[in-house]
PDB file of all heavy atoms in Angstrom:
ATOM      1  N   VAL A   1       0.837  -1.200   0.000  1.00  0.00           N
ATOM      2  CA  VAL A   1       0.000   0.000   0.000  1.00  0.00           C
ATOM      3  C   VAL A   1       0.874   1.253   0.000  1.00  0.00           C
ATOM      4  O   VAL A   1       0.645   2.197  -0.771  1.00  0.00           O
ATOM      5  CB  VAL A   1      -0.957   0.006   1.215  1.00  0.00           C
ATOM      6  CG1 VAL A   1      -1.700   1.337   1.307  1.00  0.00           C
ATOM      7  CG2 VAL A   1      -1.937  -1.146   1.126  1.00  0.00           C
ATOM      8  N   LEU A   2       1.907   1.266   0.857  1.00  0.00           N
ATOM      9  CA  LEU A   2       2.800   2.425   0.914  1.00  0.00           C
ATOM     10  C   LEU A   2       3.520   2.628  -0.416  1.00  0.00           C
ATOM     11  O   LEU A   2       3.642   3.758  -0.906  1.00  0.00           O
ATOM     12  CB  LEU A   2       3.821   2.248   2.039  1.00  0.00           C
ATOM     13  CG  LEU A   2       4.905   3.341   2.116  1.00  0.00           C
ATOM     14  CD1 LEU A   2       4.273   4.706   2.395  1.00  0.00           C
ATOM     15  CD2 LEU A   2       5.936   3.004   3.187  1.00  0.00           C
ATOM     16  N   MET A   3       4.016   1.547  -1.010  1.00  0.00           N
ATOM     17  CA  MET A   3       4.738   1.661  -2.276  1.00  0.00           C
ATOM     18  C   MET A   3       3.832   2.178  -3.387  1.00  0.00           C
ATOM     19  O   MET A   3       4.250   2.983  -4.230  1.00  0.00           O
ATOM     20  CB  MET A   3       5.339   0.304  -2.647  1.00  0.00           C
ATOM     21  CG  MET A   3       6.512  -0.100  -1.765  1.00  0.00           C
ATOM     22  SD  MET A   3       6.942  -1.850  -1.906  1.00  0.00           S
ATOM     23  CE  MET A   3       7.234  -2.015  -3.659  1.00  0.00           C
ATOM     24  N   LEU A   4       2.586   1.732  -3.387  1.00  0.00           N
ATOM     25  CA  LEU A   4       1.637   2.208  -4.387  1.00  0.00           C
ATOM     26  C   LEU A   4       1.382   3.700  -4.212  1.00  0.00           C
ATOM     27  O   LEU A   4       1.326   4.460  -5.190  1.00  0.00           O
ATOM     28  CB  LEU A   4       0.330   1.427  -4.267  1.00  0.00           C
ATOM     29  CG  LEU A   4      -0.652   1.552  -5.429  1.00  0.00           C
ATOM     30  CD1 LEU A   4      -0.038   1.049  -6.720  1.00  0.00           C
ATOM     31  CD2 LEU A   4      -1.937   0.786  -5.124  1.00  0.00           C
ATOM     32  N   LEU A   5       1.262   4.131  -2.957  1.00  0.00           N
ATOM     33  CA  LEU A   5       1.091   5.560  -2.674  1.00  0.00           C
ATOM     34  C   LEU A   5       2.329   6.347  -3.101  1.00  0.00           C
ATOM     35  O   LEU A   5       2.219   7.457  -3.623  1.00  0.00           O
ATOM     36  CB  LEU A   5       0.823   5.770  -1.182  1.00  0.00           C
ATOM     37  CG  LEU A   5      -0.523   5.265  -0.655  1.00  0.00           C
ATOM     38  CD1 LEU A   5      -0.589   5.418   0.859  1.00  0.00           C
ATOM     39  CD2 LEU A   5      -1.675   6.017  -1.316  1.00  0.00           C
ATOM     40  N   GLY A   6       3.508   5.763  -2.864  1.00  0.00           N
ATOM     41  CA  GLY A   6       4.740   6.430  -3.270  1.00  0.00           C
ATOM     42  C   GLY A   6       4.800   6.654  -4.765  1.00  0.00           C
ATOM     43  O   GLY A   6       5.220   7.722  -5.238  1.00  0.00           O
ATOM     44  N   ASP A   7       4.369   5.657  -5.539  1.00  0.00           N
ATOM     45  CA  ASP A   7       4.365   5.775  -6.997  1.00  0.00           C
ATOM     46  C   ASP A   7       3.308   6.758  -7.494  1.00  0.00           C
ATOM     47  O   ASP A   7       3.558   7.545  -8.402  1.00  0.00           O
ATOM     48  CB  ASP A   7       4.097   4.403  -7.618  1.00  0.00           C
ATOM     49  CG  ASP A   7       5.314   3.846  -8.347  1.00  0.00           C
ATOM     50  OD1 ASP A   7       6.366   4.500  -8.337  1.00  0.00           O
ATOM     51  OD2 ASP A   7       5.212   2.736  -8.907  1.00  0.00           O
ATOM     52  N   LYS A   8       2.124   6.722  -6.885  1.00  0.00           N
ATOM     53  CA  LYS A   8       0.996   7.508  -7.394  1.00  0.00           C
ATOM     54  C   LYS A   8       0.957   8.937  -6.853  1.00  0.00           C
ATOM     55  O   LYS A   8       0.445   9.839  -7.518  1.00  0.00           O
ATOM     56  CB  LYS A   8      -0.321   6.807  -7.057  1.00  0.00           C
ATOM     57  CG  LYS A   8      -0.435   5.384  -7.602  1.00  0.00           C
ATOM     58  CD  LYS A   8      -0.253   5.332  -9.109  1.00  0.00           C
ATOM     59  CE  LYS A   8      -0.371   3.894  -9.632  1.00  0.00           C
ATOM     60  NZ  LYS A   8      -0.124   3.821 -11.099  1.00  0.00           N
ATOM     61  N   LEU A   9       1.464   9.137  -5.624  1.00  0.00           N
ATOM     62  CA  LEU A   9       1.348  10.454  -4.985  1.00  0.00           C
ATOM     63  C   LEU A   9       2.681  11.182  -4.874  1.00  0.00           C
ATOM     64  O   LEU A   9       2.765  12.187  -4.176  1.00  0.00           O
ATOM     65  CB  LEU A   9       0.741  10.296  -3.577  1.00  0.00           C
ATOM     66  CG  LEU A   9      -0.643   9.643  -3.489  1.00  0.00           C
ATOM     67  CD1 LEU A   9      -1.092   9.566  -2.030  1.00  0.00           C
ATOM     68  CD2 LEU A   9      -1.664  10.404  -4.329  1.00  0.00           C
ATOM     69  N   ARG A  10       3.716  10.680  -5.540  1.00  0.00           N
ATOM     70  CA  ARG A  10       5.031  11.305  -5.418  1.00  0.00           C
ATOM     71  C   ARG A  10       4.972  12.768  -5.838  1.00  0.00           C
ATOM     72  O   ARG A  10       4.260  13.126  -6.787  1.00  0.00           O
ATOM     73  CB  ARG A  10       6.077  10.558  -6.236  1.00  0.00           C
ATOM     74  CG  ARG A  10       5.883  10.575  -7.729  1.00  0.00           C
ATOM     75  CD  ARG A  10       6.973   9.731  -8.414  1.00  0.00           C
ATOM     76  NE  ARG A  10       6.923   9.797  -9.849  1.00  0.00           N
ATOM     77  CZ  ARG A  10       6.193   9.016 -10.615  1.00  0.00           C
ATOM     78  NH1 ARG A  10       5.410   8.103 -10.059  1.00  0.00           N
ATOM     79  NH2 ARG A  10       6.216   9.137 -11.926  1.00  0.00           N
ATOM     80  N   THR A  11       5.716  13.585  -5.118  1.00  0.00           N
ATOM     81  CA  THR A  11       5.708  15.022  -5.372  1.00  0.00           C
ATOM     82  C   THR A  11       6.642  15.372  -6.533  1.00  0.00           C
ATOM     83  O   THR A  11       7.358  14.515  -7.048  1.00  0.00           O
ATOM     84  CB  THR A  11       6.154  15.785  -4.113  1.00  0.00           C
ATOM     85  OG1 THR A  11       7.490  15.380  -3.764  1.00  0.00           O
ATOM     86  CG2 THR A  11       5.235  15.489  -2.947  1.00  0.00           C
ATOM     87  N   LYS A  12       6.619  16.611  -6.912  1.00  0.00           N
ATOM     88  CA  LYS A  12       7.519  17.091  -7.967  1.00  0.00           C
ATOM     89  C   LYS A  12       8.963  16.838  -7.552  1.00  0.00           C
ATOM     90  O   LYS A  12       9.350  17.077  -6.410  1.00  0.00           O
ATOM     91  CB  LYS A  12       7.296  18.587  -8.196  1.00  0.00           C
ATOM     92  CG  LYS A  12       8.198  19.180  -9.269  1.00  0.00           C
ATOM     93  CD  LYS A  12       7.937  20.663  -9.439  1.00  0.00           C
ATOM     94  CE  LYS A  12       8.886  21.250 -10.483  1.00  0.00           C
ATOM     95  NZ  LYS A  12       8.661  22.713 -10.653  1.00  0.00           N
ATOM     96  N   THR A  13       9.762  16.341  -8.475  1.00  0.00           N
ATOM     97  CA  THR A  13      11.153  16.011  -8.174  1.00  0.00           C
ATOM     98  C   THR A  13      11.963  17.266  -7.878  1.00  0.00           C
ATOM     99  O   THR A  13      12.086  18.156  -8.724  1.00  0.00           O
ATOM    100  CB  THR A  13      11.804  15.251  -9.342  1.00  0.00           C
ATOM    101  OG1 THR A  13      11.102  14.030  -9.566  1.00  0.00           O
ATOM    102  CG2 THR A  13      13.266  14.937  -9.026  1.00  0.00           C
ATOM    103  N   ILE A  14      12.485  17.342  -6.651  1.00  0.00           N
ATOM    104  CA  ILE A  14      13.350  18.454  -6.278  1.00  0.00           C
ATOM    105  C   ILE A  14      14.773  17.973  -6.006  1.00  0.00           C
ATOM    106  O   ILE A  14      15.678  18.776  -5.825  1.00  0.00           O
ATOM    107  CB  ILE A  14      12.808  19.177  -5.017  1.00  0.00           C
ATOM    108  CG1 ILE A  14      12.696  18.205  -3.844  1.00  0.00           C
ATOM    109  CG2 ILE A  14      11.477  19.837  -5.306  1.00  0.00           C
ATOM    110  CD1 ILE A  14      12.290  18.861  -2.542  1.00  0.00           C
ATOM    111  N   SER A  15      14.945  16.645  -6.000  1.00  0.00           N
ATOM    112  CA  SER A  15      16.277  16.068  -5.750  1.00  0.00           C
ATOM    113  C   SER A  15      16.562  14.993  -6.794  1.00  0.00           C
ATOM    114  O   SER A  15      16.449  13.792  -6.530  1.00  0.00           O
ATOM    115  CB  SER A  15      16.329  15.455  -4.341  1.00  0.00           C
ATOM    116  OG  SER A  15      16.002  16.402  -3.364  1.00  0.00           O
ATOM    117  N   PRO A  16      16.968  15.409  -8.004  1.00  0.00           N
ATOM    118  CA  PRO A  16      17.231  14.433  -9.060  1.00  0.00           C
ATOM    119  C   PRO A  16      18.517  13.638  -8.861  1.00  0.00           C
ATOM    120  O   PRO A  16      18.729  12.635  -9.530  1.00  0.00           O
ATOM    121  CB  PRO A  16      17.299  15.291 -10.322  1.00  0.00           C
ATOM    122  CG  PRO A  16      17.704  16.645  -9.836  1.00  0.00           C
ATOM    123  CD  PRO A  16      17.083  16.794  -8.481  1.00  0.00           C
ATOM    124  N   THR A  17      19.385  14.093  -7.959  1.00  0.00           N
ATOM    125  CA  THR A  17      20.626  13.363  -7.677  1.00  0.00           C
ATOM    126  C   THR A  17      20.820  13.240  -6.173  1.00  0.00           C
ATOM    127  O   THR A  17      20.201  13.964  -5.383  1.00  0.00           O
ATOM    128  CB  THR A  17      21.851  14.089  -8.268  1.00  0.00           C
ATOM    129  OG1 THR A  17      22.069  15.314  -7.548  1.00  0.00           O
ATOM    130  CG2 THR A  17      21.655  14.390  -9.745  1.00  0.00           C
ATOM    131  N   LEU A  18      21.706  12.347  -5.765  1.00  0.00           N
ATOM    132  CA  LEU A  18      22.002  12.157  -4.344  1.00  0.00           C
ATOM    133  C   LEU A  18      22.487  13.431  -3.675  1.00  0.00           C
ATOM    134  O   LEU A  18      22.146  13.719  -2.534  1.00  0.00           O
ATOM    135  CB  LEU A  18      23.072  11.064  -4.174  1.00  0.00           C
ATOM    136  CG  LEU A  18      22.608   9.613  -4.165  1.00  0.00           C
ATOM    137  CD1 LEU A  18      23.812   8.698  -4.115  1.00  0.00           C
ATOM    138  CD2 LEU A  18      21.688   9.346  -2.987  1.00  0.00           C
ATOM    139  N   ASP A  19      23.297  14.217  -4.392  1.00  0.00           N
ATOM    140  CA  ASP A  19      23.889  15.410  -3.801  1.00  0.00           C
ATOM    141  C   ASP A  19      22.897  16.547  -3.609  1.00  0.00           C
ATOM    142  O   ASP A  19      23.235  17.582  -3.043  1.00  0.00           O
ATOM    143  CB  ASP A  19      25.067  15.892  -4.664  1.00  0.00           C
ATOM    144  CG  ASP A  19      26.258  14.949  -4.565  1.00  0.00           C
ATOM    145  OD1 ASP A  19      26.579  14.524  -3.437  1.00  0.00           O
ATOM    146  OD2 ASP A  19      26.846  14.617  -5.605  1.00  0.00           O
ATOM    147  N   GLN A  20      21.664  16.364  -4.057  1.00  0.00           N
ATOM    148  CA  GLN A  20      20.642  17.392  -3.867  1.00  0.00           C
ATOM    149  C   GLN A  20      19.624  17.016  -2.787  1.00  0.00           C
ATOM    150  O   GLN A  20      18.664  17.751  -2.566  1.00  0.00           O
ATOM    151  CB  GLN A  20      19.931  17.660  -5.204  1.00  0.00           C
ATOM    152  CG  GLN A  20      20.849  18.350  -6.217  1.00  0.00           C
ATOM    153  CD  GLN A  20      20.249  18.392  -7.610  1.00  0.00           C
ATOM    154  OE1 GLN A  20      19.937  17.356  -8.198  1.00  0.00           O
ATOM    155  NE2 GLN A  20      20.067  19.584  -8.149  1.00  0.00           N
ATOM    156  N   ILE A  21      19.832  15.899  -2.120  1.00  0.00           N
ATOM    157  CA  ILE A  21      18.955  15.523  -1.012  1.00  0.00           C
ATOM    158  C   ILE A  21      19.234  16.430   0.185  1.00  0.00           C
ATOM    159  O   ILE A  21      20.393  16.640   0.565  1.00  0.00           O
ATOM    160  CB  ILE A  21      19.174  14.038  -0.628  1.00  0.00           C
ATOM    161  CG1 ILE A  21      18.584  13.139  -1.712  1.00  0.00           C
ATOM    162  CG2 ILE A  21      18.531  13.716   0.720  1.00  0.00           C
ATOM    163  CD1 ILE A  21      18.724  11.659  -1.438  1.00  0.00           C
ATOM    164  N   SER A  22      18.183  16.971   0.771  1.00  0.00           N
ATOM    165  CA  SER A  22      18.334  17.882   1.911  1.00  0.00           C
ATOM    166  C   SER A  22      18.366  17.101   3.219  1.00  0.00           C
ATOM    167  O   SER A  22      18.020  15.910   3.273  1.00  0.00           O
ATOM    168  CB  SER A  22      17.168  18.874   1.944  1.00  0.00           C
ATOM    169  OG  SER A  22      15.954  18.208   2.259  1.00  0.00           O
ATOM    170  N   TYR A  23      18.745  17.789   4.287  1.00  0.00           N
ATOM    171  CA  TYR A  23      18.757  17.153   5.607  1.00  0.00           C
ATOM    172  C   TYR A  23      17.331  16.776   6.033  1.00  0.00           C
ATOM    173  O   TYR A  23      17.112  15.731   6.646  1.00  0.00           O
ATOM    174  CB  TYR A  23      19.382  18.088   6.641  1.00  0.00           C
ATOM    175  CG  TYR A  23      20.859  18.329   6.436  1.00  0.00           C
ATOM    176  CD1 TYR A  23      21.388  19.619   6.456  1.00  0.00           C
ATOM    177  CD2 TYR A  23      21.732  17.273   6.216  1.00  0.00           C
ATOM    178  CE1 TYR A  23      22.741  19.844   6.270  1.00  0.00           C
ATOM    179  CE2 TYR A  23      23.089  17.492   6.028  1.00  0.00           C
ATOM    180  CZ  TYR A  23      23.591  18.779   6.049  1.00  0.00           C
ATOM    181  OH  TYR A  23      24.928  18.995   5.864  1.00  0.00           O
ATOM    182  N   LYS A  24      16.377  17.641   5.707  1.00  0.00           N
ATOM    183  CA  LYS A  24      14.980  17.362   6.053  1.00  0.00           C
ATOM    184  C   LYS A  24      14.493  16.110   5.340  1.00  0.00           C
ATOM    185  O   LYS A  24      13.825  15.249   5.935  1.00  0.00           O
ATOM    186  CB  LYS A  24      14.095  18.557   5.687  1.00  0.00           C
ATOM    187  CG  LYS A  24      12.622  18.345   6.037  1.00  0.00           C
ATOM    188  CD  LYS A  24      11.793  19.566   5.641  1.00  0.00           C
ATOM    189  CE  LYS A  24      10.308  19.334   5.962  1.00  0.00           C
ATOM    190  NZ  LYS A  24       9.496  20.525   5.563  1.00  0.00           N
ATOM    191  N   GLN A  25      14.836  15.990   4.048  1.00  0.00           N
ATOM    192  CA  GLN A  25      14.460  14.785   3.307  1.00  0.00           C
ATOM    193  C   GLN A  25      15.087  13.547   3.926  1.00  0.00           C
ATOM    194  O   GLN A  25      14.432  12.511   4.064  1.00  0.00           O
ATOM    195  CB  GLN A  25      14.916  14.908   1.849  1.00  0.00           C
ATOM    196  CG  GLN A  25      14.021  15.769   0.970  1.00  0.00           C
ATOM    197  CD  GLN A  25      14.590  15.880  -0.426  1.00  0.00           C
ATOM    198  OE1 GLN A  25      15.631  16.483  -0.643  1.00  0.00           O
ATOM    199  NE2 GLN A  25      13.911  15.286  -1.390  1.00  0.00           N
ATOM    200  N   ALA A  26      16.353  13.633   4.280  1.00  0.00           N
ATOM    201  CA  ALA A  26      17.066  12.487   4.855  1.00  0.00           C
ATOM    202  C   ALA A  26      16.386  12.017   6.141  1.00  0.00           C
ATOM    203  O   ALA A  26      16.179  10.813   6.345  1.00  0.00           O
ATOM    204  CB  ALA A  26      18.524  12.849   5.127  1.00  0.00           C
ATOM    205  N   PHE A  27      16.032  12.961   7.009  1.00  0.00           N
ATOM    206  CA  PHE A  27      15.390  12.590   8.272  1.00  0.00           C
ATOM    207  C   PHE A  27      14.006  12.001   8.028  1.00  0.00           C
ATOM    208  O   PHE A  27      13.614  11.013   8.678  1.00  0.00           O
ATOM    209  CB  PHE A  27      15.276  13.816   9.184  1.00  0.00           C
ATOM    210  CG  PHE A  27      14.671  13.509  10.524  1.00  0.00           C
ATOM    211  CD1 PHE A  27      15.398  12.820  11.488  1.00  0.00           C
ATOM    212  CD2 PHE A  27      13.371  13.888  10.821  1.00  0.00           C
ATOM    213  CE1 PHE A  27      14.836  12.515  12.727  1.00  0.00           C
ATOM    214  CE2 PHE A  27      12.801  13.591  12.054  1.00  0.00           C
ATOM    215  CZ  PHE A  27      13.544  12.901  13.001  1.00  0.00           C
ATOM    216  N   THR A  28      13.249  12.582   7.084  1.00  0.00           N
ATOM    217  CA  THR A  28      11.911  12.075   6.780  1.00  0.00           C
ATOM    218  C   THR A  28      11.986  10.650   6.221  1.00  0.00           C
ATOM    219  O   THR A  28      11.186   9.783   6.590  1.00  0.00           O
ATOM    220  CB  THR A  28      11.199  12.987   5.772  1.00  0.00           C
ATOM    221  OG1 THR A  28      11.161  14.325   6.285  1.00  0.00           O
ATOM    222  CG2 THR A  28       9.773  12.512   5.516  1.00  0.00           C
ATOM    223  N   ILE A  29      12.950  10.413   5.340  1.00  0.00           N
ATOM    224  CA  ILE A  29      13.146   9.056   4.818  1.00  0.00           C
ATOM    225  C   ILE A  29      13.486   8.104   5.965  1.00  0.00           C
ATOM    226  O   ILE A  29      13.054   6.949   5.985  1.00  0.00           O
ATOM    227  CB  ILE A  29      14.254   9.048   3.745  1.00  0.00           C
ATOM    228  CG1 ILE A  29      13.788   9.823   2.511  1.00  0.00           C
ATOM    229  CG2 ILE A  29      14.638   7.619   3.366  1.00  0.00           C
ATOM    230  CD1 ILE A  29      14.861  10.054   1.471  1.00  0.00           C
ATOM    231  N   GLY A  30      14.248   8.586   6.946  1.00  0.00           N
ATOM    232  CA  GLY A  30      14.568   7.785   8.120  1.00  0.00           C
ATOM    233  C   GLY A  30      13.332   7.405   8.912  1.00  0.00           C
ATOM    234  O   GLY A  30      13.246   6.298   9.462  1.00  0.00           O
TER     235      GLY A  30
END
């Protein structure tokens, strides 16, 4: 269910590469 939501509800890409991931994103992914 979560993976389906991730595919269907993903937001606009703001981090196309690893070096553009923010600290907030990293913690949220955690």
